[in-house]
Amino acid sequence: MQIESYDPHHLDAVIRLSLRAWTPVFDSIQKVMNADVYQAFYPDNWRVSQQKAVENVCAAEDTNVWVAIDIGSTVGFVAVKLDSESSMGEIYMVAVDPDFQGQGIGSALIEFALDWMKNAGMSVAMVDTGGDPGHAPARRTYEKVGFELLPIARYFEKL
């Protein structure tokens, strides 16, 4: 497996692997979130909004994106944003194809991003994720590479 800079020819593969990777996450969110709130967040199906989010992240000038390549296929990606004012880097988006999960690719992408942030002069790295069961693998990965949890409560109500 190697990590290389994102190029627009990777976009279709990044979208496909992301939607596959995030299916259990959104299934979990739907189970734990109020149905009306979930519908308000994802009126056209979560896949539509997530595909657009991936497209926007990959095209954003303020975001750095890398892909994991294994056996000639794009199997994961990570997107990073930097805030030089606060000296904080954020792992904004990360996904690994379900067929390649559990092989250390997510950890490798995150460690690559952390090294890049440090070399870019950042002093703190942040990543956020859900507290629902679908995000448990992501939380384990973040903790494995050294992130520490700051519990935050976020409440929603449908208006």
N, C-alpha and C. Protein backbone atom coordinates (compact mmCIF):
# COMPACT_ATOMS: atom_id res chain seq x y z
N MET A 1 0.85 -1.17 0.00
CA MET A 1 0.00 0.00 0.00
C MET A 1 0.89 1.23 0.00
N GLN A 2 0.52 2.21 -0.80
CA GLN A 2 1.24 3.48 -0.81
C GLN A 2 0.24 4.62 -0.71
N ILE A 3 0.71 5.75 -0.21
CA ILE A 3 -0.12 6.94 -0.09
C ILE A 3 0.42 7.98 -1.05
N GLU A 4 -0.49 8.55 -1.84
CA GLU A 4 -0.07 9.56 -2.81
C GLU A 4 -1.07 10.70 -2.82
N SER A 5 -0.66 11.82 -3.38
CA SER A 5 -1.53 12.99 -3.48
C SER A 5 -2.74 12.67 -4.34
N TYR A 6 -3.87 13.19 -3.92
CA TYR A 6 -5.10 13.05 -4.67
C TYR A 6 -4.97 13.74 -6.03
N ASP A 7 -5.55 13.12 -7.03
CA ASP A 7 -5.65 13.69 -8.37
C ASP A 7 -7.11 13.49 -8.78
N PRO A 8 -7.67 14.42 -9.57
CA PRO A 8 -9.08 14.29 -9.95
C PRO A 8 -9.45 12.94 -10.57
N HIS A 9 -8.51 12.22 -11.16
CA HIS A 9 -8.87 10.91 -11.72
C HIS A 9 -9.21 9.89 -10.62
N HIS A 10 -8.89 10.21 -9.35
CA HIS A 10 -9.23 9.35 -8.22
C HIS A 10 -10.68 9.54 -7.75
N LEU A 11 -11.33 10.61 -8.20
CA LEU A 11 -12.61 11.01 -7.61
C LEU A 11 -13.66 9.90 -7.61
N ASP A 12 -13.91 9.26 -8.72
CA ASP A 12 -14.95 8.23 -8.76
C ASP A 12 -14.68 7.11 -7.76
N ALA A 13 -13.43 6.67 -7.67
CA ALA A 13 -13.08 5.61 -6.72
C ALA A 13 -13.25 6.09 -5.28
N VAL A 14 -12.86 7.33 -5.00
CA VAL A 14 -13.00 7.88 -3.65
C VAL A 14 -14.47 7.96 -3.26
N ILE A 15 -15.31 8.39 -4.17
CA ILE A 15 -16.75 8.46 -3.89
C ILE A 15 -17.29 7.05 -3.62
N ARG A 16 -16.98 6.10 -4.49
CA ARG A 16 -17.49 4.73 -4.32
C ARG A 16 -17.06 4.13 -2.99
N LEU A 17 -15.77 4.22 -2.67
CA LEU A 17 -15.31 3.59 -1.43
C LEU A 17 -15.88 4.30 -0.21
N SER A 18 -16.04 5.62 -0.29
CA SER A 18 -16.59 6.37 0.84
C SER A 18 -18.04 5.96 1.12
N LEU A 19 -18.84 5.90 0.07
CA LEU A 19 -20.24 5.54 0.27
C LEU A 19 -20.36 4.12 0.80
N ARG A 20 -19.52 3.22 0.34
CA ARG A 20 -19.52 1.86 0.87
C ARG A 20 -19.07 1.85 2.33
N ALA A 21 -18.02 2.60 2.63
CA ALA A 21 -17.49 2.62 3.99
C ALA A 21 -18.47 3.25 4.98
N TRP A 22 -19.20 4.24 4.53
CA TRP A 22 -20.07 4.98 5.43
C TRP A 22 -21.48 4.41 5.52
N THR A 23 -21.81 3.37 4.76
CA THR A 23 -23.15 2.79 4.85
C THR A 23 -23.48 2.33 6.27
N PRO A 24 -22.62 1.56 6.97
CA PRO A 24 -22.97 1.17 8.33
C PRO A 24 -23.04 2.35 9.29
N VAL A 25 -22.28 3.39 9.02
CA VAL A 25 -22.31 4.59 9.86
C VAL A 25 -23.68 5.26 9.75
N PHE A 26 -24.15 5.45 8.53
CA PHE A 26 -25.43 6.13 8.37
C PHE A 26 -26.60 5.24 8.78
N ASP A 27 -26.46 3.93 8.65
CA ASP A 27 -27.47 3.03 9.20
C ASP A 27 -27.57 3.21 10.71
N SER A 28 -26.42 3.33 11.36
CA SER A 28 -26.37 3.51 12.80
C SER A 28 -26.96 4.86 13.21
N ILE A 29 -26.57 5.91 12.49
CA ILE A 29 -27.09 7.24 12.80
C ILE A 29 -28.61 7.25 12.68
N GLN A 30 -29.13 6.63 11.64
CA GLN A 30 -30.57 6.60 11.43
C GLN A 30 -31.28 5.90 12.59
N LYS A 31 -30.65 4.88 13.15
CA LYS A 31 -31.26 4.14 14.26
C LYS A 31 -31.27 4.95 15.55
N VAL A 32 -30.25 5.79 15.77
CA VAL A 32 -30.16 6.49 17.05
C VAL A 32 -30.71 7.91 17.01
N MET A 33 -30.94 8.45 15.81
CA MET A 33 -31.39 9.82 15.68
C MET A 33 -32.90 9.87 15.49
N ASN A 34 -33.51 10.89 16.01
CA ASN A 34 -34.93 11.14 15.79
C ASN A 34 -35.20 11.12 14.29
N ALA A 35 -36.23 10.41 13.88
CA ALA A 35 -36.52 10.21 12.46
C ALA A 35 -36.75 11.53 11.72
N ASP A 36 -37.45 12.48 12.35
CA ASP A 36 -37.71 13.76 11.69
C ASP A 36 -36.42 14.56 11.52
N VAL A 37 -35.55 14.51 12.51
CA VAL A 37 -34.26 15.21 12.42
C VAL A 37 -33.40 14.57 11.34
N TYR A 38 -33.36 13.24 11.33
CA TYR A 38 -32.59 12.54 10.30
C TYR A 38 -33.08 12.92 8.91
N GLN A 39 -34.39 12.95 8.72
CA GLN A 39 -34.97 13.31 7.44
C GLN A 39 -34.63 14.75 7.06
N ALA A 40 -34.58 15.64 8.05
CA ALA A 40 -34.22 17.04 7.79
C ALA A 40 -32.76 17.14 7.35
N PHE A 41 -31.89 16.33 7.94
CA PHE A 41 -30.48 16.33 7.56
C PHE A 41 -30.28 15.72 6.17
N TYR A 42 -31.00 14.66 5.87
CA TYR A 42 -30.79 13.89 4.64
C TYR A 42 -32.10 13.72 3.87
N PRO A 43 -32.68 14.81 3.39
CA PRO A 43 -33.98 14.70 2.72
C PRO A 43 -33.94 13.91 1.42
N ASP A 44 -32.79 13.88 0.76
CA ASP A 44 -32.68 13.19 -0.54
C ASP A 44 -31.89 11.89 -0.45
N ASN A 45 -31.70 11.35 0.75
CA ASN A 45 -30.88 10.17 0.98
C ASN A 45 -29.46 10.62 1.31
N TRP A 46 -28.89 10.05 2.33
CA TRP A 46 -27.57 10.47 2.79
C TRP A 46 -26.51 10.32 1.71
N ARG A 47 -26.67 9.36 0.80
CA ARG A 47 -25.66 9.14 -0.25
C ARG A 47 -25.52 10.38 -1.15
N VAL A 48 -26.61 11.06 -1.41
CA VAL A 48 -26.58 12.25 -2.25
C VAL A 48 -25.75 13.34 -1.58
N SER A 49 -26.05 13.61 -0.31
CA SER A 49 -25.32 14.67 0.38
C SER A 49 -23.86 14.29 0.64
N GLN A 50 -23.61 13.03 0.92
CA GLN A 50 -22.22 12.61 1.17
C GLN A 50 -21.39 12.61 -0.11
N GLN A 51 -21.99 12.23 -1.22
CA GLN A 51 -21.25 12.30 -2.49
C GLN A 51 -20.87 13.75 -2.77
N LYS A 52 -21.81 14.66 -2.57
CA LYS A 52 -21.53 16.08 -2.79
C LYS A 52 -20.45 16.56 -1.82
N ALA A 53 -20.50 16.10 -0.58
CA ALA A 53 -19.49 16.50 0.41
C ALA A 53 -18.10 16.03 -0.01
N VAL A 54 -18.01 14.80 -0.49
CA VAL A 54 -16.72 14.27 -0.95
C VAL A 54 -16.23 15.06 -2.16
N GLU A 55 -17.12 15.31 -3.11
CA GLU A 55 -16.74 16.10 -4.29
C GLU A 55 -16.22 17.47 -3.88
N ASN A 56 -16.92 18.12 -2.94
CA ASN A 56 -16.50 19.45 -2.50
C ASN A 56 -15.16 19.42 -1.79
N VAL A 57 -14.96 18.44 -0.93
CA VAL A 57 -13.69 18.32 -0.20
C VAL A 57 -12.54 18.08 -1.17
N CYS A 58 -12.75 17.20 -2.12
CA CYS A 58 -11.68 16.89 -3.07
C CYS A 58 -11.34 18.07 -3.97
N ALA A 59 -12.28 18.98 -4.18
CA ALA A 59 -12.06 20.14 -5.04
C ALA A 59 -11.65 21.39 -4.27
N ALA A 60 -11.78 21.38 -2.95
CA ALA A 60 -11.55 22.58 -2.15
C ALA A 60 -10.07 22.97 -2.14
N GLU A 61 -9.83 24.25 -2.37
CA GLU A 61 -8.45 24.74 -2.37
C GLU A 61 -7.84 24.77 -0.98
N ASP A 62 -8.68 24.81 0.05
CA ASP A 62 -8.16 24.88 1.42
C ASP A 62 -8.01 23.50 2.06
N THR A 63 -8.12 22.45 1.25
CA THR A 63 -8.06 21.10 1.77
C THR A 63 -6.98 20.31 1.03
N ASN A 64 -6.22 19.52 1.78
CA ASN A 64 -5.21 18.64 1.20
C ASN A 64 -5.75 17.22 1.30
N VAL A 65 -5.67 16.49 0.18
CA VAL A 65 -6.25 15.15 0.12
C VAL A 65 -5.20 14.18 -0.40
N TRP A 66 -5.16 13.01 0.23
CA TRP A 66 -4.28 11.93 -0.20
C TRP A 66 -5.10 10.66 -0.34
N VAL A 67 -4.64 9.76 -1.18
CA VAL A 67 -5.31 8.48 -1.37
C VAL A 67 -4.36 7.35 -1.04
N ALA A 68 -4.93 6.24 -0.59
CA ALA A 68 -4.18 5.01 -0.37
C ALA A 68 -4.40 4.13 -1.59
N ILE A 69 -3.32 3.64 -2.16
CA ILE A 69 -3.37 2.80 -3.35
C ILE A 69 -2.83 1.43 -2.98
N ASP A 70 -3.59 0.39 -3.31
CA ASP A 70 -3.15 -0.99 -3.07
C ASP A 70 -3.49 -1.82 -4.30
N ILE A 71 -2.52 -2.50 -4.80
CA ILE A 71 -2.68 -3.35 -5.99
C ILE A 71 -3.34 -2.54 -7.13
N GLY A 72 -2.90 -1.30 -7.28
CA GLY A 72 -3.38 -0.46 -8.37
C GLY A 72 -4.75 0.14 -8.17
N SER A 73 -5.38 -0.09 -7.02
CA SER A 73 -6.73 0.44 -6.77
C SER A 73 -6.70 1.46 -5.63
N THR A 74 -7.58 2.44 -5.73
CA THR A 74 -7.75 3.41 -4.66
C THR A 74 -8.59 2.75 -3.57
N VAL A 75 -8.00 2.59 -2.37
CA VAL A 75 -8.68 1.86 -1.30
C VAL A 75 -9.00 2.72 -0.07
N GLY A 76 -8.56 3.97 -0.08
CA GLY A 76 -8.85 4.84 1.05
C GLY A 76 -8.44 6.26 0.72
N PHE A 77 -8.89 7.18 1.56
CA PHE A 77 -8.46 8.57 1.39
C PHE A 77 -8.57 9.30 2.72
N VAL A 78 -7.82 10.40 2.79
CA VAL A 78 -7.88 11.28 3.95
C VAL A 78 -7.81 12.72 3.45
N ALA A 79 -8.59 13.59 4.07
CA ALA A 79 -8.62 15.01 3.74
C ALA A 79 -8.28 15.82 4.98
N VAL A 80 -7.42 16.81 4.82
CA VAL A 80 -6.91 17.60 5.94
C VAL A 80 -7.09 19.08 5.66
N LYS A 81 -7.53 19.79 6.68
CA LYS A 81 -7.61 21.25 6.62
C LYS A 81 -6.69 21.82 7.70
N LEU A 82 -6.03 22.92 7.38
CA LEU A 82 -5.15 23.58 8.33
C LEU A 82 -5.71 24.93 8.71
N ASP A 83 -5.55 25.29 9.99
CA ASP A 83 -5.89 26.62 10.47
C ASP A 83 -4.61 27.20 11.05
N SER A 84 -3.91 27.99 10.24
CA SER A 84 -2.62 28.51 10.69
C SER A 84 -2.78 29.48 11.85
N GLU A 85 -3.92 30.14 11.96
CA GLU A 85 -4.15 31.08 13.06
C GLU A 85 -4.14 30.36 14.42
N SER A 86 -4.79 29.20 14.48
CA SER A 86 -4.82 28.45 15.73
C SER A 86 -3.75 27.37 15.77
N SER A 87 -3.01 27.21 14.67
CA SER A 87 -1.97 26.18 14.55
C SER A 87 -2.54 24.78 14.74
N MET A 88 -3.76 24.60 14.20
CA MET A 88 -4.43 23.31 14.34
C MET A 88 -4.75 22.72 12.97
N GLY A 89 -4.44 21.45 12.83
CA GLY A 89 -4.82 20.72 11.64
C GLY A 89 -6.02 19.83 11.97
N GLU A 90 -6.89 19.68 10.99
CA GLU A 90 -8.08 18.85 11.21
C GLU A 90 -8.13 17.75 10.16
N ILE A 91 -8.28 16.52 10.64
CA ILE A 91 -8.59 15.43 9.73
C ILE A 91 -10.08 15.58 9.47
N TYR A 92 -10.38 16.08 8.29
CA TYR A 92 -11.73 16.50 7.98
C TYR A 92 -12.59 15.35 7.47
N MET A 93 -11.96 14.43 6.77
CA MET A 93 -12.71 13.31 6.21
C MET A 93 -11.72 12.17 5.99
N VAL A 94 -12.17 10.95 6.28
CA VAL A 94 -11.33 9.78 6.04
C VAL A 94 -12.24 8.58 5.80
N ALA A 95 -11.82 7.71 4.90
CA ALA A 95 -12.59 6.49 4.65
C ALA A 95 -11.67 5.44 4.05
N VAL A 96 -11.99 4.19 4.35
CA VAL A 96 -11.28 3.04 3.77
C VAL A 96 -12.34 2.09 3.22
N ASP A 97 -12.08 1.61 2.02
CA ASP A 97 -12.99 0.65 1.39
C ASP A 97 -13.23 -0.51 2.34
N PRO A 98 -14.48 -0.93 2.55
CA PRO A 98 -14.77 -2.03 3.47
C PRO A 98 -13.98 -3.31 3.18
N ASP A 99 -13.68 -3.57 1.91
CA ASP A 99 -12.91 -4.77 1.57
C ASP A 99 -11.47 -4.71 2.06
N PHE A 100 -11.01 -3.53 2.46
CA PHE A 100 -9.62 -3.35 2.89
C PHE A 100 -9.53 -2.88 4.34
N GLN A 101 -10.66 -2.79 5.03
CA GLN A 101 -10.62 -2.36 6.43
C GLN A 101 -9.99 -3.44 7.29
N GLY A 102 -9.42 -3.02 8.42
CA GLY A 102 -8.79 -3.95 9.34
C GLY A 102 -7.36 -4.31 8.95
N GLN A 103 -6.81 -3.63 7.95
CA GLN A 103 -5.45 -3.91 7.50
C GLN A 103 -4.48 -2.79 7.85
N GLY A 104 -4.93 -1.82 8.62
CA GLY A 104 -4.06 -0.71 9.03
C GLY A 104 -4.02 0.45 8.05
N ILE A 105 -4.85 0.43 7.03
CA ILE A 105 -4.83 1.49 6.03
C ILE A 105 -5.33 2.80 6.62
N GLY A 106 -6.40 2.75 7.40
CA GLY A 106 -6.91 3.96 8.05
C GLY A 106 -5.87 4.57 8.97
N SER A 107 -5.23 3.74 9.77
CA SER A 107 -4.18 4.23 10.67
C SER A 107 -3.03 4.84 9.88
N ALA A 108 -2.64 4.18 8.79
CA ALA A 108 -1.54 4.70 7.97
C ALA A 108 -1.91 6.05 7.36
N LEU A 109 -3.13 6.19 6.87
CA LEU A 109 -3.57 7.47 6.32
C LEU A 109 -3.55 8.57 7.39
N ILE A 110 -4.04 8.23 8.56
CA ILE A 110 -4.09 9.22 9.64
C ILE A 110 -2.68 9.59 10.10
N GLU A 111 -1.82 8.62 10.26
CA GLU A 111 -0.44 8.91 10.67
C GLU A 111 0.27 9.74 9.60
N PHE A 112 0.04 9.45 8.34
CA PHE A 112 0.59 10.25 7.25
C PHE A 112 0.11 11.69 7.39
N ALA A 113 -1.19 11.87 7.59
CA ALA A 113 -1.76 13.21 7.73
C ALA A 113 -1.19 13.94 8.95
N LEU A 114 -1.02 13.23 10.05
CA LEU A 114 -0.46 13.86 11.25
C LEU A 114 0.97 14.32 11.02
N ASP A 115 1.78 13.49 10.36
CA ASP A 115 3.15 13.89 10.04
C ASP A 115 3.16 15.12 9.13
N TRP A 116 2.28 15.12 8.14
CA TRP A 116 2.19 16.25 7.22
C TRP A 116 1.80 17.52 7.97
N MET A 117 0.81 17.41 8.89
CA MET A 117 0.39 18.58 9.67
C MET A 117 1.56 19.12 10.50
N LYS A 118 2.27 18.22 11.15
CA LYS A 118 3.40 18.64 11.98
C LYS A 118 4.45 19.35 11.13
N ASN A 119 4.76 18.79 9.97
CA ASN A 119 5.73 19.42 9.07
C ASN A 119 5.24 20.75 8.53
N ALA A 120 3.93 20.93 8.50
CA ALA A 120 3.34 22.19 8.04
C ALA A 120 3.28 23.23 9.16
N GLY A 121 3.78 22.88 10.35
CA GLY A 121 3.85 23.83 11.45
C GLY A 121 2.69 23.80 12.42
N MET A 122 1.80 22.83 12.30
CA MET A 122 0.68 22.74 13.23
C MET A 122 1.17 22.16 14.55
N SER A 123 0.54 22.58 15.63
CA SER A 123 0.91 22.07 16.95
C SER A 123 -0.16 21.17 17.56
N VAL A 124 -1.35 21.16 16.97
CA VAL A 124 -2.45 20.35 17.48
C VAL A 124 -3.19 19.75 16.28
N ALA A 125 -3.65 18.53 16.45
CA ALA A 125 -4.47 17.89 15.42
C ALA A 125 -5.82 17.54 16.04
N MET A 126 -6.86 17.64 15.23
CA MET A 126 -8.21 17.34 15.70
C MET A 126 -8.91 16.47 14.67
N VAL A 127 -9.77 15.61 15.16
CA VAL A 127 -10.69 14.86 14.32
C VAL A 127 -11.96 14.70 15.12
N ASP A 128 -13.10 14.81 14.47
CA ASP A 128 -14.33 14.53 15.21
C ASP A 128 -15.08 13.41 14.52
N THR A 129 -15.90 12.74 15.30
CA THR A 129 -16.64 11.59 14.81
C THR A 129 -17.86 11.39 15.69
N GLY A 130 -18.72 10.50 15.31
CA GLY A 130 -19.94 10.24 16.07
C GLY A 130 -19.71 9.32 17.25
N GLY A 131 -20.61 9.41 18.20
CA GLY A 131 -20.57 8.55 19.37
C GLY A 131 -21.46 7.33 19.25
N ASP A 132 -22.11 7.17 18.10
CA ASP A 132 -23.01 6.05 17.88
C ASP A 132 -22.22 4.78 17.58
N PRO A 133 -22.87 3.63 17.63
CA PRO A 133 -22.16 2.36 17.38
C PRO A 133 -21.51 2.27 16.00
N GLY A 134 -22.09 2.90 15.00
CA GLY A 134 -21.52 2.83 13.66
C GLY A 134 -20.16 3.51 13.53
N HIS A 135 -19.88 4.44 14.43
CA HIS A 135 -18.59 5.15 14.42
C HIS A 135 -17.55 4.49 15.33
N ALA A 136 -17.90 3.39 15.99
CA ALA A 136 -16.96 2.74 16.92
C ALA A 136 -15.62 2.38 16.26
N PRO A 137 -15.61 1.82 15.04
CA PRO A 137 -14.32 1.52 14.42
C PRO A 137 -13.46 2.76 14.19
N ALA A 138 -14.09 3.86 13.82
CA ALA A 138 -13.34 5.11 13.64
C ALA A 138 -12.75 5.58 14.97
N ARG A 139 -13.55 5.52 16.04
CA ARG A 139 -13.04 5.94 17.35
C ARG A 139 -11.84 5.09 17.77
N ARG A 140 -11.93 3.77 17.54
CA ARG A 140 -10.80 2.89 17.88
C ARG A 140 -9.55 3.27 17.10
N THR A 141 -9.71 3.57 15.82
CA THR A 141 -8.57 3.95 14.99
C THR A 141 -7.95 5.24 15.49
N TYR A 142 -8.76 6.24 15.78
CA TYR A 142 -8.23 7.52 16.26
C TYR A 142 -7.49 7.34 17.58
N GLU A 143 -8.05 6.56 18.48
CA GLU A 143 -7.40 6.33 19.76
C GLU A 143 -6.10 5.53 19.58
N LYS A 144 -6.11 4.59 18.64
CA LYS A 144 -4.93 3.77 18.39
C LYS A 144 -3.74 4.63 17.95
N VAL A 145 -3.99 5.68 17.18
CA VAL A 145 -2.89 6.52 16.72
C VAL A 145 -2.58 7.67 17.68
N GLY A 146 -3.29 7.74 18.81
CA GLY A 146 -2.92 8.69 19.86
C GLY A 146 -3.89 9.80 20.16
N PHE A 147 -5.01 9.90 19.45
CA PHE A 147 -5.98 10.94 19.77
C PHE A 147 -6.62 10.64 21.12
N GLU A 148 -6.94 11.69 21.85
CA GLU A 148 -7.64 11.56 23.13
C GLU A 148 -9.01 12.20 23.01
N LEU A 149 -10.00 11.54 23.60
CA LEU A 149 -11.39 11.96 23.51
C LEU A 149 -11.68 13.16 24.41
N LEU A 150 -12.38 14.14 23.85
CA LEU A 150 -12.98 15.23 24.62
C LEU A 150 -14.49 15.05 24.46
N PRO A 151 -15.17 14.53 25.49
CA PRO A 151 -16.62 14.32 25.36
C PRO A 151 -17.35 15.64 25.12
N ILE A 152 -18.19 15.62 24.12
CA ILE A 152 -19.01 16.79 23.78
C ILE A 152 -20.43 16.29 23.58
N ALA A 153 -21.39 17.02 24.09
CA ALA A 153 -22.79 16.67 23.88
C ALA A 153 -23.36 17.60 22.81
N ARG A 154 -24.01 17.01 21.83
CA ARG A 154 -24.65 17.79 20.78
C ARG A 154 -26.10 17.33 20.71
N TYR A 155 -27.02 18.26 20.85
CA TYR A 155 -28.43 17.95 20.87
C TYR A 155 -29.12 18.50 19.63
N PHE A 156 -30.15 17.78 19.15
CA PHE A 156 -30.91 18.22 17.99
C PHE A 156 -32.40 18.17 18.31
N GLU A 157 -33.12 19.08 17.70
CA GLU A 157 -34.58 19.06 17.80
C GLU A 157 -35.13 19.53 16.45
N LYS A 158 -36.10 18.81 15.94
CA LYS A 158 -36.74 19.17 14.67
C LYS A 158 -37.68 20.33 14.93
N LEU A 159 -37.54 21.37 14.13
CA LEU A 159 -38.42 22.54 14.28
C LEU A 159 -39.55 22.52 13.27
